[in-house]
Amino acid sequence: MNADRYYRHSGRFSPLSVGKAVALGLLASVPMAFIYAYIIVYIPIIGVVTFLLTGGFAAMVGLAVGGALHAGKVRSNVVAVVTALPVALFALWASWVIWVHALLARADADVGLLDLAMSPAGLWEVITLINEKGAWSMKGFTPTGGVLWALWAGEAAIIAGIILVMAVQMLSSPFCEACDRWCEEHKAIAVLGPTRKDALAPRLEQGDYAVLKELTGATGAAFTQIDLHQCSQCQTTSALTATSVTVTQKNGKQEKNEKALLKFLLISPGDLSTVKAIVAEVQEIEAERGAAGA
């Protein structure tokens, strides 16, 4: 793999943008934690739906912090993780405080929300008591002790993991340093025949774009999708992504399996014109074959 041919973030960022992202993430965590905690307490749905609610809560917080990082033009995955981590911990803490308060309120226990928030030791004591007695039951089984700790640990991992992943994912597009803007994505500029990574990536890295002429025979079940990220202002910063797509039928439903062949291969305007010309030629040949076959 020729790493120099692929886009990598410059690592540049503004401390002010990071501060805004943290602030927005913290602000979003509170109302989202209220919604999440009260749904869990008053509409106790055990099973897959619970994990979906947990994921939804984390996704909303992750979207807030990641969106702020994107708007602030942060070009560093490390900075994204460092920024999102305290937000994830705060969101987890807020959800615990509000959930415990809602649980106690439902049991007519007069414990103030601020009291729980301002007393980590008191909060931990209540959580320990809840763990001993259990918080919910499913089919006559009430998780307690180690089982409940494990479930709570899984919940924490989901919340923290999704927030961190989303913060990084929001910065996944190439950035044009010359124009100080994110590149725009153009999906499926070409749909070609199926291929393998070892047959495609090394040749494209070497500038052998003629390999695209060999990608014939695209079908609805197997094809190679070429996407383009390009700066809309200068149109000089451009990067190609190739994905192998296989569509199968399982239990009457379509399942799409995608495998990255290469991601963000930098390409000059001249070479991009060459690629587009080759793609147009291949598509024309495929169209003629289709017409002859009909």
Protein backbone atom coordinates (compact mmCIF):
# COMPACT_ATOMS: atom_id res chain seq x y z
CA MET A 1 0.00 0.00 0.00
CA ASN A 2 1.35 3.41 -1.03
CA ALA A 3 0.27 5.54 1.94
CA ASP A 4 1.36 8.76 0.25
CA ARG A 5 -1.37 8.33 -2.35
CA TYR A 6 -4.13 8.43 0.25
CA TYR A 7 -5.71 11.39 2.01
CA ARG A 8 -4.84 11.89 5.67
CA HIS A 9 -6.05 14.64 7.99
CA SER A 10 -3.59 17.46 8.56
CA GLY A 11 -4.20 17.37 12.33
CA ARG A 12 -5.11 21.05 12.42
CA PHE A 13 -7.79 22.30 14.79
CA SER A 14 -8.91 25.37 16.68
CA PRO A 15 -9.05 25.21 20.51
CA LEU A 16 -12.14 27.41 20.31
CA SER A 17 -13.86 24.87 18.06
CA VAL A 18 -12.99 22.09 20.49
CA GLY A 19 -14.38 24.12 23.37
CA LYS A 20 -17.62 24.75 21.49
CA ALA A 21 -17.93 21.04 20.69
CA VAL A 22 -17.50 20.08 24.34
CA ALA A 23 -20.03 22.71 25.43
CA LEU A 24 -22.59 21.64 22.85
CA GLY A 25 -22.10 17.98 23.74
CA LEU A 26 -22.63 18.69 27.44
CA LEU A 27 -25.72 20.78 26.75
CA ALA A 28 -27.21 18.07 24.52
CA SER A 29 -26.50 15.37 27.10
CA VAL A 30 -28.85 16.75 29.74
CA PRO A 31 -32.19 16.79 27.85
CA MET A 32 -31.30 13.56 26.04
CA ALA A 33 -30.49 11.92 29.39
CA PHE A 34 -33.86 13.03 30.77
CA ILE A 35 -35.73 11.53 27.82
CA TYR A 36 -33.70 8.32 27.90
CA ALA A 37 -33.89 7.79 31.68
CA TYR A 38 -37.60 8.46 32.02
CA ILE A 39 -38.47 6.18 29.10
CA ILE A 40 -36.43 3.39 30.73
CA VAL A 41 -38.13 3.92 34.12
CA TYR A 42 -41.74 4.49 33.12
CA ILE A 43 -41.92 2.41 29.95
CA PRO A 44 -39.78 -0.57 30.94
CA ILE A 45 -39.24 -2.42 27.67
CA ILE A 46 -36.72 -5.19 28.16
CA GLY A 47 -34.81 -6.67 25.26
CA VAL A 48 -33.55 -5.36 21.92
CA VAL A 49 -35.61 -2.18 22.23
CA THR A 50 -33.65 -1.26 25.37
CA PHE A 51 -30.38 -1.41 23.45
CA LEU A 52 -31.93 0.63 20.64
CA LEU A 53 -32.93 3.31 23.15
CA THR A 54 -29.42 3.28 24.60
CA GLY A 55 -27.94 3.58 21.13
CA GLY A 56 -30.36 6.36 20.21
CA PHE A 57 -29.43 8.37 23.30
CA ALA A 58 -25.71 8.02 22.55
CA ALA A 59 -26.22 8.80 18.85
CA MET A 60 -27.95 12.11 19.60
CA VAL A 61 -25.14 13.20 21.92
CA GLY A 62 -22.52 11.97 19.44
CA LEU A 63 -24.24 13.87 16.66
CA ALA A 64 -24.08 17.07 18.71
CA VAL A 65 -20.38 16.88 19.53
CA GLY A 66 -19.40 15.46 16.14
CA GLY A 67 -21.44 18.06 14.28
CA ALA A 68 -19.76 20.84 16.26
CA LEU A 69 -16.31 19.41 15.47
CA HIS A 70 -17.22 19.22 11.79
CA ALA A 71 -18.54 22.77 11.77
CA GLY A 72 -15.36 23.89 13.54
CA LYS A 73 -13.25 22.25 10.82
CA VAL A 74 -11.32 20.00 13.18
CA ARG A 75 -9.05 17.72 11.13
CA SER A 76 -7.77 15.29 13.74
CA ASN A 77 -9.25 11.99 14.85
CA VAL A 78 -7.17 12.11 18.04
CA VAL A 79 -8.63 15.51 18.93
CA ALA A 80 -12.11 14.18 18.13
CA VAL A 81 -11.65 11.30 20.61
CA VAL A 82 -10.15 13.55 23.29
CA THR A 83 -13.04 15.98 22.83
CA ALA A 84 -15.77 13.35 22.83
CA LEU A 85 -14.47 11.34 25.80
CA PRO A 86 -15.42 13.84 28.56
CA VAL A 87 -18.76 14.39 26.84
CA ALA A 88 -19.37 10.62 26.83
CA LEU A 89 -18.50 10.35 30.52
CA PHE A 90 -20.74 13.30 31.37
CA ALA A 91 -23.62 11.84 29.33
CA LEU A 92 -23.23 8.52 31.14
CA TRP A 93 -23.13 10.25 34.54
CA ALA A 94 -26.16 12.44 33.69
CA SER A 95 -28.18 9.41 32.60
CA TRP A 96 -27.37 7.65 35.88
CA VAL A 97 -28.30 10.66 38.04
CA ILE A 98 -31.61 11.20 36.24
CA TRP A 99 -32.44 7.48 36.07
CA VAL A 100 -31.84 7.01 39.81
CA HIS A 101 -33.89 10.13 40.58
CA ALA A 102 -36.77 8.93 38.39
CA LEU A 103 -36.63 5.46 39.94
CA LEU A 104 -36.74 6.88 43.47
CA ALA A 105 -39.51 9.31 42.57
CA ARG A 106 -41.61 6.43 41.24
CA ALA A 107 -41.12 4.74 44.62
CA ASP A 108 -42.22 7.98 46.40
CA ALA A 109 -38.73 8.55 47.83
CA ASP A 110 -38.06 12.22 48.43
CA VAL A 111 -34.53 12.64 47.08
CA GLY A 112 -33.69 15.78 45.14
CA LEU A 113 -32.09 15.63 41.73
CA LEU A 114 -29.43 18.15 42.72
CA ASP A 115 -28.70 16.16 45.86
CA LEU A 116 -27.84 13.13 43.75
CA ALA A 117 -25.87 15.22 41.27
CA MET A 118 -23.81 16.92 43.98
CA SER A 119 -23.11 13.79 46.01
CA PRO A 120 -21.15 11.13 44.11
CA ALA A 121 -20.86 9.02 47.26
CA GLY A 122 -24.62 9.19 47.88
CA LEU A 123 -25.34 8.34 44.25
CA TRP A 124 -23.02 5.34 44.42
CA GLU A 125 -24.67 4.14 47.60
CA VAL A 126 -28.11 4.24 45.99
CA ILE A 127 -26.83 2.47 42.88
CA THR A 128 -25.33 -0.27 45.08
CA LEU A 129 -28.66 -0.75 46.85
CA ILE A 130 -30.49 -0.93 43.52
CA ASN A 131 -27.98 -3.52 42.36
CA GLU A 132 -28.70 -5.68 45.40
CA LYS A 133 -32.48 -5.60 44.96
CA GLY A 134 -32.69 -5.33 41.16
CA ALA A 135 -34.20 -2.62 38.96
CA TRP A 136 -36.47 -4.67 36.70
CA SER A 137 -37.69 -8.18 35.98
CA MET A 138 -38.09 -10.18 32.79
CA LYS A 139 -40.13 -13.38 32.70
CA GLY A 140 -39.82 -13.77 36.45
CA PHE A 141 -36.05 -13.17 36.48
CA THR A 142 -34.66 -10.11 38.29
CA PRO A 143 -31.00 -9.40 37.46
CA THR A 144 -28.95 -8.45 40.52
CA GLY A 145 -25.34 -8.49 41.61
CA GLY A 146 -22.75 -9.44 39.02
CA VAL A 147 -25.32 -10.00 36.28
CA LEU A 148 -26.74 -6.50 36.67
CA TRP A 149 -23.26 -4.97 36.90
CA ALA A 150 -22.41 -6.68 33.61
CA LEU A 151 -25.56 -5.34 31.95
CA TRP A 152 -24.80 -1.85 33.21
CA ALA A 153 -21.22 -2.15 31.97
CA GLY A 154 -22.55 -3.11 28.55
CA GLU A 155 -24.82 -0.09 28.57
CA ALA A 156 -21.89 2.18 29.48
CA ALA A 157 -19.78 0.67 26.70
CA ILE A 158 -22.55 1.27 24.15
CA ILE A 159 -23.03 4.90 25.20
CA ALA A 160 -19.33 5.78 25.31
CA GLY A 161 -18.49 3.78 22.19
CA ILE A 162 -21.18 5.30 19.99
CA ILE A 163 -20.39 8.86 21.07
CA LEU A 164 -16.68 8.38 20.34
CA VAL A 165 -17.29 6.64 17.01
CA MET A 166 -19.75 9.26 15.84
CA ALA A 167 -17.40 12.11 16.76
CA VAL A 168 -14.69 10.55 14.59
CA GLN A 169 -17.11 9.54 11.83
CA MET A 170 -18.35 13.12 11.43
CA LEU A 171 -14.81 14.06 10.41
CA SER A 172 -14.33 11.21 7.95
CA SER A 173 -14.43 13.27 4.73
CA PRO A 174 -11.31 14.73 3.09
CA PHE A 175 -10.63 18.41 3.74
CA CYS A 176 -9.27 20.92 1.24
CA GLU A 177 -6.62 22.89 3.12
CA ALA A 178 -6.22 25.38 0.28
CA CYS A 179 -9.90 26.38 0.33
CA ASP A 180 -10.48 25.69 4.06
CA ARG A 181 -13.56 23.54 3.47
CA TRP A 182 -14.72 19.96 3.55
CA CYS A 183 -14.89 18.12 0.25
CA GLU A 184 -18.32 17.21 -1.08
CA GLU A 185 -19.22 13.57 -1.61
CA HIS A 186 -20.45 12.36 -5.00
CA LYS A 187 -21.82 8.85 -4.64
CA ALA A 188 -21.56 6.26 -7.39
CA ILE A 189 -19.82 8.29 -10.10
CA ALA A 190 -19.27 4.87 -11.60
CA VAL A 191 -20.76 1.41 -11.15
CA LEU A 192 -18.41 -1.17 -12.65
CA GLY A 193 -17.94 -4.92 -12.63
CA PRO A 194 -16.83 -6.84 -9.51
CA THR A 195 -13.17 -7.12 -8.58
CA ARG A 196 -10.81 -7.77 -5.66
CA LYS A 197 -8.77 -5.35 -3.58
CA ASP A 198 -5.46 -6.91 -4.57
CA ALA A 199 -6.40 -6.62 -8.24
CA LEU A 200 -7.53 -3.00 -8.10
CA ALA A 201 -5.84 -0.97 -5.37
CA PRO A 202 -2.14 -1.52 -6.30
CA ARG A 203 -2.71 -0.57 -9.92
CA LEU A 204 -4.71 2.55 -9.12
CA GLU A 205 -2.04 3.57 -6.60
CA GLN A 206 0.49 3.39 -9.45
CA GLY A 207 -1.70 5.52 -11.69
CA ASP A 208 -2.68 2.59 -13.91
CA TYR A 209 -6.28 3.72 -14.40
CA ALA A 210 -6.67 1.42 -17.40
CA VAL A 211 -7.49 -1.29 -14.87
CA LEU A 212 -10.98 0.19 -14.76
CA LYS A 213 -11.50 -0.96 -18.35
CA GLU A 214 -11.29 -4.53 -17.09
CA LEU A 215 -14.17 -4.07 -14.65
CA THR A 216 -17.01 -5.27 -16.83
CA GLY A 217 -20.02 -7.43 -16.08
CA ALA A 218 -21.65 -5.36 -13.34
CA THR A 219 -24.95 -6.84 -12.18
CA GLY A 220 -27.48 -6.00 -9.52
CA ALA A 221 -25.99 -8.79 -7.40
CA ALA A 222 -22.28 -7.88 -7.65
CA PHE A 223 -20.56 -4.67 -8.65
CA THR A 224 -17.87 -2.15 -7.76
CA GLN A 225 -19.01 1.32 -6.75
CA ILE A 226 -16.70 4.28 -7.22
CA ASP A 227 -17.35 7.36 -5.10
CA LEU A 228 -15.67 10.76 -5.32
CA HIS A 229 -14.92 13.40 -2.71
CA GLN A 230 -14.00 16.73 -4.25
CA CYS A 231 -13.60 20.34 -3.18
CA SER A 232 -16.48 22.23 -4.75
CA GLN A 233 -14.47 25.45 -4.90
CA CYS A 234 -11.10 24.61 -6.45
CA GLN A 235 -11.97 21.09 -7.65
CA THR A 236 -8.30 20.27 -7.16
CA THR A 237 -8.50 18.24 -3.95
CA SER A 238 -10.13 15.00 -5.08
CA ALA A 239 -10.16 11.49 -3.65
CA LEU A 240 -11.61 8.23 -4.94
CA THR A 241 -13.19 5.46 -2.89
CA ALA A 242 -13.96 2.02 -4.31
CA THR A 243 -16.33 -0.40 -2.64
CA SER A 244 -17.17 -3.98 -3.56
CA VAL A 245 -20.91 -4.55 -3.22
CA THR A 246 -22.63 -7.93 -3.13
CA VAL A 247 -26.40 -8.21 -2.84
CA THR A 248 -27.94 -11.48 -1.66
CA GLN A 249 -31.43 -12.69 -0.81
CA LYS A 250 -32.01 -14.08 2.66
CA ASN A 251 -35.43 -15.01 4.01
CA GLY A 252 -37.06 -12.97 1.29
CA LYS A 253 -35.05 -9.85 2.12
CA GLN A 254 -32.16 -8.20 0.34
CA GLU A 255 -28.87 -8.07 2.22
CA LYS A 256 -26.11 -5.79 0.97
CA ASN A 257 -22.52 -6.68 1.85
CA GLU A 258 -20.01 -3.90 1.29
CA LYS A 259 -16.23 -4.29 1.40
CA ALA A 260 -13.81 -1.39 1.03
CA LEU A 261 -11.32 -1.86 -1.79
CA LEU A 262 -9.64 1.51 -1.31
CA LYS A 263 -10.57 4.74 0.49
CA PHE A 264 -9.68 8.33 -0.33
CA LEU A 265 -7.09 7.72 -3.05
CA LEU A 266 -5.85 11.20 -3.98
CA ILE A 267 -6.10 11.98 -7.66
CA SER A 268 -5.13 15.00 -9.76
CA PRO A 269 -7.68 16.87 -11.91
CA GLY A 270 -6.03 15.51 -15.06
CA ASP A 271 -6.12 11.93 -13.84
CA LEU A 272 -9.72 12.39 -12.72
CA SER A 273 -10.62 13.41 -16.26
CA THR A 274 -8.90 10.24 -17.48
CA VAL A 275 -10.86 8.12 -15.01
CA LYS A 276 -14.16 9.69 -16.06
CA ALA A 277 -13.35 9.08 -19.74
CA ILE A 278 -12.52 5.42 -19.05
CA VAL A 279 -15.68 4.98 -17.01
CA ALA A 280 -17.78 6.50 -19.79
CA GLU A 281 -16.15 4.12 -22.27
CA VAL A 282 -16.83 1.07 -20.10
CA GLN A 283 -20.43 2.10 -19.54
CA GLU A 284 -20.92 2.62 -23.25
CA ILE A 285 -19.55 -0.85 -23.99
CA GLU A 286 -21.81 -2.37 -21.32
CA ALA A 287 -24.81 -0.55 -22.76
CA GLU A 288 -24.06 -1.89 -26.24
CA ARG A 289 -23.72 -5.42 -24.89
CA GLY A 290 -27.01 -5.06 -23.07
CA ALA A 291 -28.75 -3.84 -26.19
CA ALA A 292 -27.28 -6.70 -28.25
CA GLY A 293 -28.34 -9.23 -25.65
CA ALA A 294 -31.88 -7.89 -25.62
